[in-house]
Protein backbone atom coordinates (compact mmCIF):
# COMPACT_ATOMS: atom_id res chain seq x y z
CA MET A 1 24.13 18.68 -27.69
CA THR A 2 26.54 20.69 -29.52
CA LEU A 3 29.77 19.26 -27.91
CA GLN A 4 31.55 16.69 -30.41
CA ILE A 5 34.23 14.22 -29.29
CA PRO A 6 35.37 12.08 -32.09
CA PHE A 7 35.29 8.78 -30.16
CA GLU A 8 36.94 5.76 -31.42
CA ASN A 9 36.38 3.23 -28.45
CA THR A 10 39.02 0.49 -29.43
CA TYR A 11 39.21 -0.87 -25.89
CA VAL A 12 35.59 -2.52 -26.19
CA SER A 13 37.14 -4.94 -28.86
CA LEU A 14 38.98 -6.95 -26.03
CA PRO A 15 37.29 -9.75 -24.35
CA ASN A 16 34.52 -8.17 -22.29
CA ARG A 17 35.89 -9.99 -19.20
CA LEU A 18 38.15 -7.13 -19.12
CA PHE A 19 35.59 -4.33 -18.58
CA SER A 20 32.21 -3.66 -17.45
CA HIS A 21 29.63 -1.71 -19.45
CA GLN A 22 28.98 1.13 -17.00
CA LYS A 23 27.34 4.49 -17.35
CA PRO A 24 28.33 7.64 -14.95
CA THR A 25 25.88 8.55 -12.26
CA PRO A 26 24.47 11.90 -12.95
CA VAL A 27 24.98 14.52 -10.34
CA ARG A 28 22.87 17.19 -8.79
CA ALA A 29 24.22 20.51 -9.82
CA PRO A 30 27.32 20.18 -12.20
CA LYS A 31 29.55 23.31 -12.04
CA LEU A 32 32.40 23.65 -14.36
CA LEU A 33 35.70 24.82 -12.25
CA ALA A 34 38.42 24.35 -15.00
CA PHE A 35 38.75 23.34 -18.53
CA ASN A 36 41.98 22.74 -20.67
CA GLU A 37 41.12 24.17 -24.14
CA PRO A 38 44.55 23.35 -25.53
CA LEU A 39 44.29 19.76 -24.43
CA ALA A 40 40.53 19.70 -25.83
CA ASP A 41 42.09 20.98 -29.18
CA GLU A 42 44.63 18.20 -29.29
CA LEU A 43 42.00 15.74 -28.82
CA GLY A 44 39.96 16.92 -31.60
CA ILE A 45 37.11 18.09 -29.31
CA CYS A 46 35.09 20.92 -30.65
CA GLY A 47 31.53 22.43 -30.41
CA THR A 48 30.06 24.41 -27.50
CA GLN A 49 32.03 26.33 -25.08
CA ASP A 50 29.07 26.69 -23.13
CA PRO A 51 30.10 26.05 -19.41
CA ASP A 52 26.95 24.60 -18.30
CA GLU A 53 27.18 21.88 -21.38
CA LEU A 54 30.69 21.17 -20.52
CA ALA A 55 29.56 20.66 -16.80
CA GLN A 56 26.85 18.43 -17.81
CA VAL A 57 29.31 16.23 -19.86
CA PHE A 58 32.39 16.28 -17.87
CA SER A 59 30.67 15.45 -14.65
CA GLY A 60 28.90 12.12 -16.31
CA SER A 61 25.26 13.90 -16.26
CA SER A 62 25.16 13.93 -20.21
CA LEU A 63 27.11 11.38 -22.29
CA PRO A 64 27.94 12.89 -25.74
CA ASP A 65 27.49 11.02 -28.97
CA GLY A 66 29.70 8.16 -29.61
CA ALA A 67 30.60 7.53 -25.92
CA GLN A 68 30.51 3.72 -24.91
CA PRO A 69 31.39 4.09 -21.16
CA ILE A 70 33.18 1.16 -19.60
CA ALA A 71 34.92 0.39 -16.13
CA GLN A 72 38.24 -1.41 -16.52
CA LEU A 73 38.99 -4.56 -14.71
CA TYR A 74 42.49 -5.19 -13.22
CA ALA A 75 44.37 -6.68 -10.22
CA GLY A 76 47.70 -5.55 -8.55
CA HIS A 77 50.33 -5.83 -5.89
CA GLN A 78 49.42 -3.04 -3.30
CA PHE A 79 52.52 -2.51 -1.01
CA GLY A 80 53.77 -5.79 -1.94
CA ASN A 81 50.59 -7.70 -1.20
CA TRP A 82 48.57 -9.48 -3.81
CA ASN A 83 45.08 -8.35 -4.53
CA PRO A 84 43.27 -10.23 -6.99
CA GLN A 85 40.60 -8.07 -8.36
CA LEU A 86 40.69 -4.55 -8.44
CA GLY A 87 39.47 -2.18 -11.12
CA ASP A 88 37.90 1.28 -11.76
CA GLY A 89 36.10 1.55 -8.72
CA ARG A 90 35.20 5.26 -9.15
CA ALA A 91 36.14 5.93 -12.83
CA VAL A 92 34.67 5.48 -16.29
CA LEU A 93 36.34 5.53 -19.54
CA ILE A 94 33.71 7.18 -21.90
CA GLY A 95 35.77 6.52 -24.87
CA GLU A 96 39.17 7.51 -26.76
CA SER A 97 39.63 10.50 -28.95
CA ASN A 98 42.84 10.95 -31.34
CA GLY A 99 44.34 7.95 -29.60
CA TYR A 100 43.93 9.06 -26.19
CA ASP A 101 41.65 7.62 -23.21
CA VAL A 102 38.92 10.16 -22.13
CA GLN A 103 38.04 8.97 -18.43
CA LEU A 104 35.79 10.50 -15.84
CA LYS A 105 37.12 9.97 -11.99
CA GLY A 106 34.66 10.28 -9.42
CA SER A 107 31.76 9.60 -11.66
CA GLY A 108 29.88 7.22 -9.30
CA PRO A 109 30.22 3.33 -8.30
CA THR A 110 31.13 0.73 -10.65
CA PRO A 111 31.15 -3.23 -10.39
CA TYR A 112 34.51 -2.82 -8.91
CA ALA A 113 33.83 -0.15 -6.31
CA ARG A 114 34.11 -2.68 -3.28
CA ARG A 115 31.38 -1.01 -1.40
CA GLY A 116 32.72 2.36 -2.04
CA ASP A 117 30.63 5.58 -3.08
CA GLY A 118 32.29 5.98 -6.08
CA ARG A 119 32.98 9.48 -5.93
CA ALA A 120 35.67 11.90 -5.34
CA TRP A 121 36.15 14.96 -3.34
CA LEU A 122 36.87 18.53 -4.58
CA GLY A 123 40.64 18.69 -3.08
CA PRO A 124 42.19 15.66 -4.70
CA VAL A 125 40.48 16.45 -7.87
CA LEU A 126 42.17 19.88 -7.85
CA ARG A 127 45.30 18.53 -6.72
CA GLU A 128 45.64 16.18 -9.60
CA TYR A 129 44.61 18.43 -11.87
CA ILE A 130 47.63 20.93 -11.07
CA VAL A 131 50.21 18.34 -10.56
CA SER A 132 49.37 16.43 -13.48
CA GLU A 133 49.47 19.50 -15.72
CA ALA A 134 52.65 20.59 -14.03
CA MET A 135 54.12 17.46 -14.56
CA HIS A 136 53.48 17.77 -18.39
CA ALA A 137 54.92 21.25 -18.28
CA LEU A 138 58.14 19.85 -16.91
CA GLY A 139 58.31 17.61 -19.89
CA ILE A 140 57.45 14.28 -17.81
CA PRO A 141 55.22 11.74 -19.43
CA THR A 142 51.95 11.97 -17.53
CA THR A 143 48.14 11.57 -17.52
CA ARG A 144 46.58 15.02 -18.69
CA ALA A 145 43.59 16.91 -16.96
CA LEU A 146 40.71 17.94 -19.28
CA ALA A 147 38.20 19.37 -16.60
CA ALA A 148 37.38 19.71 -13.27
CA VAL A 149 33.54 20.01 -12.18
CA GLU A 150 32.10 20.33 -8.84
CA THR A 151 29.30 18.28 -8.29
CA GLY A 152 26.83 20.30 -6.22
CA GLU A 153 26.62 17.29 -3.74
CA GLU A 154 28.48 16.62 -0.47
CA ILE A 155 30.29 13.28 0.13
CA MET A 156 31.36 11.57 3.42
CA ARG A 157 34.79 11.24 4.15
CA ASP A 158 35.88 11.89 7.64
CA ARG A 159 33.50 14.76 7.26
CA PRO A 160 31.07 16.25 4.67
CA LEU A 161 32.89 17.57 1.79
CA PRO A 162 32.11 18.89 -1.83
CA GLY A 163 32.09 16.37 -4.47
CA ALA A 164 33.82 16.72 -7.72
CA VAL A 165 34.77 14.88 -11.21
CA LEU A 166 38.19 14.99 -13.00
CA THR A 167 38.44 14.29 -16.52
CA ARG A 168 41.60 12.65 -17.31
CA VAL A 169 43.20 11.77 -20.45
CA ALA A 170 45.88 9.21 -20.87
CA SER A 171 47.74 7.41 -23.85
CA SER A 172 45.78 4.39 -22.34
CA HIS A 173 44.72 3.16 -18.68
CA ILE A 174 46.41 -0.35 -19.36
CA ARG A 175 48.38 -1.32 -16.17
CA VAL A 176 50.59 -3.75 -15.17
CA GLY A 177 47.84 -5.32 -13.24
CA THR A 178 45.94 -5.61 -16.24
CA PHE A 179 48.01 -8.34 -17.48
CA GLN A 180 48.45 -9.63 -13.91
CA ILE A 181 44.64 -10.52 -13.48
CA LEU A 182 44.53 -12.28 -16.82
CA ALA A 183 47.70 -14.16 -16.03
CA ALA A 184 46.44 -15.05 -12.42
CA ARG A 185 42.90 -16.43 -14.06
CA GLN A 186 45.19 -18.53 -16.46
CA ASP A 187 43.39 -16.71 -19.35
CA VAL A 188 45.85 -17.22 -21.89
CA GLU A 189 43.51 -16.26 -24.73
CA GLY A 190 42.66 -12.86 -23.04
CA LEU A 191 46.19 -12.46 -22.21
CA GLN A 192 47.28 -12.59 -25.96
CA ALA A 193 44.57 -10.58 -27.14
CA LEU A 194 45.75 -7.82 -24.39
CA LEU A 195 49.23 -8.20 -25.48
CA ASP A 196 48.51 -7.72 -29.14
CA TYR A 197 46.30 -4.85 -28.38
CA SER A 198 49.02 -2.95 -26.11
CA ILE A 199 51.89 -3.73 -28.58
CA ALA A 200 49.46 -2.16 -31.56
CA ARG A 201 48.67 0.71 -29.38
CA HIS A 202 51.99 1.67 -27.76
CA TYR A 203 54.83 -0.39 -29.02
CA PRO A 204 54.40 -1.48 -32.76
CA SER A 205 57.72 -2.53 -33.24
CA ALA A 206 57.56 -5.28 -30.59
CA SER A 207 56.89 -8.47 -32.26
CA THR A 208 57.31 -10.85 -29.11
CA PRO A 209 56.46 -10.67 -25.64
CA ALA A 210 60.09 -10.28 -24.80
CA ALA A 211 60.28 -7.29 -27.10
CA PHE A 212 57.18 -6.03 -25.35
CA LEU A 213 58.65 -6.33 -22.00
CA ARG A 214 61.93 -4.67 -23.05
CA GLU A 215 60.30 -1.53 -24.45
CA VAL A 216 58.28 -1.03 -21.53
CA VAL A 217 61.13 -1.42 -19.06
CA ALA A 218 62.92 1.24 -20.98
CA LYS A 219 59.91 3.56 -20.75
CA GLN A 220 59.60 3.02 -17.16
CA ALA A 221 63.27 3.37 -16.30
CA GLU A 222 63.31 6.70 -18.00
CA LEU A 223 60.11 7.78 -16.42
CA ILE A 224 61.56 7.29 -13.23
CA ALA A 225 64.78 8.86 -13.87
CA GLN A 226 62.62 11.78 -14.87
CA TRP A 227 60.72 11.88 -11.34
CA MET A 228 63.94 11.56 -9.37
CA SER A 229 65.36 14.53 -11.38
CA VAL A 230 62.50 17.10 -10.12
CA GLY A 231 62.32 15.47 -6.72
CA PHE A 232 58.87 13.76 -7.09
CA ILE A 233 57.80 11.00 -5.10
CA HIS A 234 54.65 9.02 -6.59
CA GLY A 235 53.69 7.51 -3.22
CA VAL A 236 51.76 4.44 -4.05
CA MET A 237 53.76 2.74 -6.73
CA ASN A 238 51.51 -0.22 -6.75
CA THR A 239 51.42 -2.45 -9.81
CA ASP A 240 47.80 -1.35 -10.51
CA ASN A 241 49.22 2.04 -10.69
CA CYS A 242 52.11 1.35 -13.07
CA ALA A 243 50.97 2.16 -16.44
CA ILE A 244 52.47 0.16 -19.49
CA SER A 245 52.51 3.45 -21.79
CA GLY A 246 55.44 4.89 -19.52
CA GLU A 247 53.11 7.80 -18.21
CA THR A 248 52.93 8.75 -14.56
CA ILE A 249 49.32 7.78 -13.52
CA ASP A 250 47.24 8.01 -10.33
CA TYR A 251 48.18 10.98 -8.57
CA GLY A 252 47.00 9.97 -5.07
CA PRO A 253 49.25 10.82 -1.87
CA CYS A 254 51.91 12.15 -4.63
CA ALA A 255 54.55 14.87 -3.38
CA PHE A 256 57.65 16.96 -4.45
CA MET A 257 60.48 17.26 -1.92
CA ASP A 258 61.27 20.49 -0.51
CA ALA A 259 64.27 19.66 1.73
CA PHE A 260 66.01 16.94 0.18
CA HIS A 261 66.59 13.53 1.57
CA PRO A 262 66.70 10.03 -0.20
CA GLY A 263 64.18 8.58 2.70
CA GLN A 264 61.50 11.07 2.24
CA VAL A 265 57.97 9.44 2.47
CA PHE A 266 54.77 11.75 2.47
CA SER A 267 52.35 8.97 1.92
CA SER A 268 50.34 8.37 5.04
CA ILE A 269 49.64 4.88 4.02
CA ASP A 270 53.22 3.84 3.13
CA ARG A 271 54.21 3.36 6.79
CA HIS A 272 57.43 1.50 6.30
CA GLY A 273 58.88 3.84 3.31
CA ARG A 274 58.54 1.08 0.59
CA TYR A 275 57.78 3.95 -1.72
CA ALA A 276 60.18 6.49 -0.55
CA TYR A 277 61.99 8.75 -2.93
CA GLY A 278 65.29 6.73 -3.07
CA ASN A 279 63.36 3.46 -3.14
CA GLN A 280 61.87 4.05 -6.34
CA PRO A 281 64.14 2.55 -8.66
CA GLN A 282 64.12 -0.74 -7.16
CA ILE A 283 60.31 -0.59 -6.85
CA ILE A 284 60.06 -0.02 -10.50
CA ALA A 285 62.24 -2.98 -11.28
CA TRP A 286 60.15 -5.12 -8.92
CA ASN A 287 57.01 -3.91 -10.77
CA MET A 288 58.74 -4.81 -14.11
CA ALA A 289 59.25 -8.34 -12.70
CA GLN A 290 55.59 -8.83 -11.84
CA LEU A 291 54.93 -7.77 -15.56
CA ALA A 292 57.38 -10.39 -16.89
CA THR A 293 55.88 -13.19 -14.78
CA SER A 294 52.54 -12.19 -16.13
CA LEU A 295 53.81 -12.55 -19.72
CA LEU A 296 55.15 -16.06 -19.28
CA PRO A 297 52.16 -18.14 -20.02
CA LEU A 298 52.45 -16.70 -23.50
CA GLU A 299 55.64 -18.54 -24.12
CA ASP A 300 56.14 -21.80 -25.54
CA ASN A 301 59.36 -22.57 -23.97
CA SER A 302 58.99 -21.46 -20.66
CA ASP A 303 62.51 -22.00 -19.36
CA ALA A 304 64.25 -20.03 -22.12
CA ALA A 305 61.62 -17.20 -21.69
CA VAL A 306 62.33 -17.25 -17.98
CA GLU A 307 66.06 -16.70 -18.90
CA GLU A 308 65.33 -14.16 -21.42
CA PHE A 309 62.87 -12.45 -19.12
CA THR A 310 65.38 -12.62 -16.16
CA ASP A 311 68.21 -10.74 -18.29
CA ILE A 312 65.77 -7.94 -19.39
CA ILE A 313 64.97 -7.26 -15.72
CA ASN A 314 68.28 -7.56 -14.52
CA ASP A 315 69.55 -5.15 -17.18
CA MET A 316 66.94 -2.53 -15.74
CA PRO A 317 68.96 -1.31 -12.67
CA GLY A 318 71.86 -0.33 -14.82
CA MET A 319 69.86 1.21 -17.53
CA LEU A 320 68.13 3.46 -14.90
CA ARG A 321 71.15 4.50 -13.19
CA GLY A 322 72.47 5.72 -16.65
CA MET A 323 69.53 7.74 -17.28
CA TRP A 324 69.50 8.82 -13.80
CA GLN A 325 73.09 10.08 -14.16
CA ASP A 326 72.41 11.78 -17.32
CA ARG A 327 69.51 13.74 -16.14
CA PHE A 328 71.52 14.89 -12.78
CA ALA A 329 74.84 15.58 -14.65
CA ALA A 330 72.38 17.97 -16.99
CA LYS A 331 71.16 19.60 -13.58
CA LEU A 332 74.82 20.23 -13.05
CA GLY A 333 75.52 21.40 -16.60
CA ILE A 334 77.40 18.24 -17.67
CA SER A 335 76.15 17.64 -21.27
CA GLU A 336 78.68 14.56 -22.09
CA THR A 337 78.76 12.15 -19.08
CA LYS A 338 81.64 10.00 -17.60
CA ASP A 339 81.45 7.02 -15.23
CA ASN A 340 83.03 9.21 -12.54
CA ASP A 341 80.11 11.93 -12.84
CA GLU A 342 78.10 9.75 -10.58
CA GLY A 343 80.32 10.49 -7.75
CA LEU A 344 80.27 14.35 -8.10
CA ILE A 345 76.38 14.02 -8.02
CA THR A 346 76.13 11.78 -5.09
CA HIS A 347 78.67 13.96 -3.28
CA LEU A 348 76.52 16.94 -3.85
CA LEU A 349 73.25 15.11 -2.93
CA SER A 350 74.88 14.22 0.33
CA ILE A 351 75.87 17.84 1.20
CA MET A 352 72.44 18.84 0.46
CA THR A 353 71.03 15.91 2.71
CA ASP A 354 73.38 17.15 5.67
CA GLN A 355 72.27 20.81 5.09
CA LYS A 356 68.44 20.14 4.77
CA ALA A 357 68.78 22.07 1.53
CA ASP A 358 65.89 22.59 -0.66
CA PHE A 359 65.94 20.27 -3.62
CA THR A 360 64.40 22.28 -6.57
CA ASN A 361 65.97 25.97 -5.15
CA SER A 362 69.54 24.64 -4.74
CA PHE A 363 70.11 23.34 -8.48
CA ARG A 364 68.40 26.61 -9.39
CA TYR A 365 70.60 28.85 -7.25
CA LEU A 366 73.67 26.98 -8.86
CA THR A 367 72.34 27.49 -12.20
CA ASP A 368 71.96 31.25 -11.62
CA GLY A 369 75.18 31.39 -9.55
CA SER A 370 73.41 32.51 -6.55
CA VAL A 371 75.42 30.02 -4.46
CA THR A 372 75.25 31.70 -1.15
CA GLU A 373 71.76 31.37 -1.28
CA THR A 374 71.64 27.64 -1.38
CA GLY A 375 73.08 26.95 2.46
CA LEU A 376 75.10 24.69 0.73
CA GLU A 377 78.55 26.53 1.31
CA ALA A 378 78.25 26.25 5.06
CA HIS A 379 78.97 22.48 4.79
CA LYS A 380 82.64 21.31 5.23
CA ASP A 381 82.66 19.55 1.75
CA TYR A 382 81.14 22.20 -0.15
CA SER A 383 84.46 24.17 -1.34
CA ALA A 384 86.23 20.82 -2.55
CA TRP A 385 82.85 19.70 -4.27
CA HIS A 386 82.54 23.13 -6.02
CA ALA A 387 86.19 23.34 -7.39
CA GLN A 388 85.66 19.90 -8.93
CA TRP A 389 82.37 20.79 -10.37
CA THR A 390 84.08 23.85 -11.55
CA ASP A 391 86.66 22.02 -13.45
CA ARG A 392 84.36 19.39 -14.76
CA LYS A 393 82.09 21.92 -16.50
CA ARG A 394 85.28 23.33 -18.28
CA GLU A 395 85.27 20.30 -20.32
CA GLN A 396 81.74 20.61 -21.61
CA PRO A 397 81.39 21.54 -25.22
CA THR A 398 77.99 22.88 -24.42
CA ASP A 399 77.45 26.26 -22.33
CA PRO A 400 76.76 24.56 -19.08
CA VAL A 401 74.54 27.43 -17.97
CA GLU A 402 72.30 26.69 -20.93
CA VAL A 403 71.97 23.03 -20.16
CA MET A 404 71.37 23.61 -16.47
CA ALA A 405 68.49 26.26 -17.33
CA LYS A 406 66.78 23.60 -19.32
CA SER A 407 67.10 21.05 -16.71
CA ASN A 408 66.08 22.98 -13.25
CA PRO A 409 62.92 24.29 -13.01
CA TYR A 410 62.25 27.65 -10.94
CA LEU A 411 58.55 26.28 -10.02
CA ILE A 412 57.38 22.97 -8.86
CA PRO A 413 53.74 22.05 -7.23
CA ARG A 414 54.71 22.63 -3.69
CA ASN A 415 52.72 20.66 -0.97
CA HIS A 416 52.02 23.63 1.24
CA GLN A 417 50.81 25.66 -1.62
CA ILE A 418 48.38 22.87 -3.13
CA GLU A 419 47.13 22.54 0.57
CA ALA A 420 46.57 26.31 0.81
CA MET A 421 44.90 26.10 -2.52
CA ILE A 422 42.50 23.20 -1.46
CA THR A 423 41.37 25.29 1.51
CA GLN A 424 40.39 28.07 -0.38
CA ALA A 425 38.80 26.17 -2.93
CA VAL A 426 36.58 24.25 -0.58
CA ALA A 427 35.93 27.97 0.86
CA GLY A 428 34.58 28.68 -2.69
CA ASP A 429 37.94 30.78 -3.59
CA LEU A 430 39.46 29.22 -6.97
CA ASN A 431 42.01 32.18 -7.37
CA LEU A 432 44.95 30.52 -5.93
CA PHE A 433 44.06 27.26 -8.28
CA HIS A 434 44.15 29.29 -11.45
CA ARG A 435 47.14 31.14 -10.14
CA LEU A 436 49.19 27.96 -9.72
CA ASN A 437 48.13 26.38 -13.21
CA ALA A 438 49.19 29.54 -14.91
CA ALA A 439 52.61 29.75 -13.11
CA LEU A 440 53.43 25.93 -13.23
CA SER A 441 52.67 25.98 -16.87
CA SER A 442 55.95 27.52 -17.40
CA PRO A 443 58.18 26.15 -14.87
CA PHE A 444 61.65 27.01 -16.33
CA GLU A 445 61.02 30.67 -16.48
CA ALA A 446 61.77 33.00 -13.87
CA SER A 447 58.72 35.54 -13.29
CA PRO A 448 58.71 38.31 -10.68
CA GLU A 449 54.93 37.89 -10.05
CA ALA A 450 55.49 34.00 -9.16
CA ALA A 451 58.63 34.68 -7.15
CA ASP A 452 56.53 33.87 -3.97
CA LEU A 453 55.89 30.37 -5.36
CA THR A 454 59.55 29.45 -5.29
CA VAL A 455 59.81 29.91 -1.36
CA PRO A 456 60.07 26.80 0.54
CA PRO A 457 57.49 26.24 3.51
CA THR A 458 57.92 27.76 6.94
CA THR A 459 57.74 25.45 9.84
CA GLU A 460 54.41 25.98 10.44
CA GLU A 461 53.32 25.29 6.60
CA LYS A 462 55.39 22.18 6.32
CA VAL A 463 53.20 19.39 5.05
CA THR A 464 54.42 16.13 6.56
CA GLN A 465 51.83 13.73 5.27
CA THR A 466 49.74 13.30 1.96
CA PHE A 467 46.67 11.47 1.45
CA CYS A 468 45.08 9.25 -1.18
CA GLY A 469 41.71 11.06 -1.06
CA THR A 470 39.45 8.11 -2.01
């Protein structure tokens, strides 16, 4: 084998009760569908460009030298309900390269598979590839997609579907739920080891559990503000899907809004709207409270720790609101915010809700001055709002159009386009997959060739539900 990955494998230095040694399950006929060469270069991966060898490695059928494959253990709250043991049921971390985890997702059952087959089908693999790379291009912290491989095997879901494996790259796969399982088992030694490791890997300036919590909270607040600013809905913000690195992780029933509404839900399993677009700030604070609870066993003075941790969590909504205001102010060309800018922003969002305006296009049209195309001008409040906005822009030291152009993308991964891509891919046509990847790599650039990708769905094209795909 000529492919070389400079593996480090530091996670296996942690107590072995946090993982299980687990090799991927080989597949019948792996076929490389996509390989992210720029990301491979960042990871220091070199050697062969032979698609057959890459398919063997990134399907899990052949492990490169230095790999130490493991499945990670964690627990979590799922839709607010405690699940005492979860884990990588269909994913194997083969090692770390240049400080990043390299994980095969859909690579077969592990000890945490809970009677599942450990596989993934082609649709969710290609969806995560596109959406995670699009998020990266939007400047939002995220896991990355290194490779997608078709397995040559069918897997059963509601019908036989083509199997696939995604190679996912992350700063780490340590979750809030990783801390939760140790705390629930009263494993203080393991909890301390995990904290020390997490601080060394992600937050080296943090010297105490409280300092670590404060840094994670800040990262998560910024992440959610960024999600909100592009209309992203994660769809399944369970604590086991919340990475302490502050990266977006676990793209299951995720979606980007077309018509704006704060109560928008796409996830088929979110029947009560717990993870609706507008609820995401409250949910992340709830998740951080669960992390804080998990860190308490490490403090000698529990009463003082409760008070300090509570203050940190209680500060989070205000912190996030400020970050949210900064992001949305920039979308309106405001580089230096004032307290009353929140009213200007929320008034516009109220108008957008009433008009069922497309979230992405409305802000882009405002950027380009194409106000008649937004549909907003028909609202009774729009003229007054626009006059107030115009006055506010005049106060800015930086050209508002320049600020808006950097904050309002032309392109997002639209749900109906992703569904069309999956339908075509299942039929053996990857042209739309490759086209979407190429276009979404430059989301802030107007391109005549990609103009059709900015068009919202017709009534017939609308996607009303998204699915985990597990």
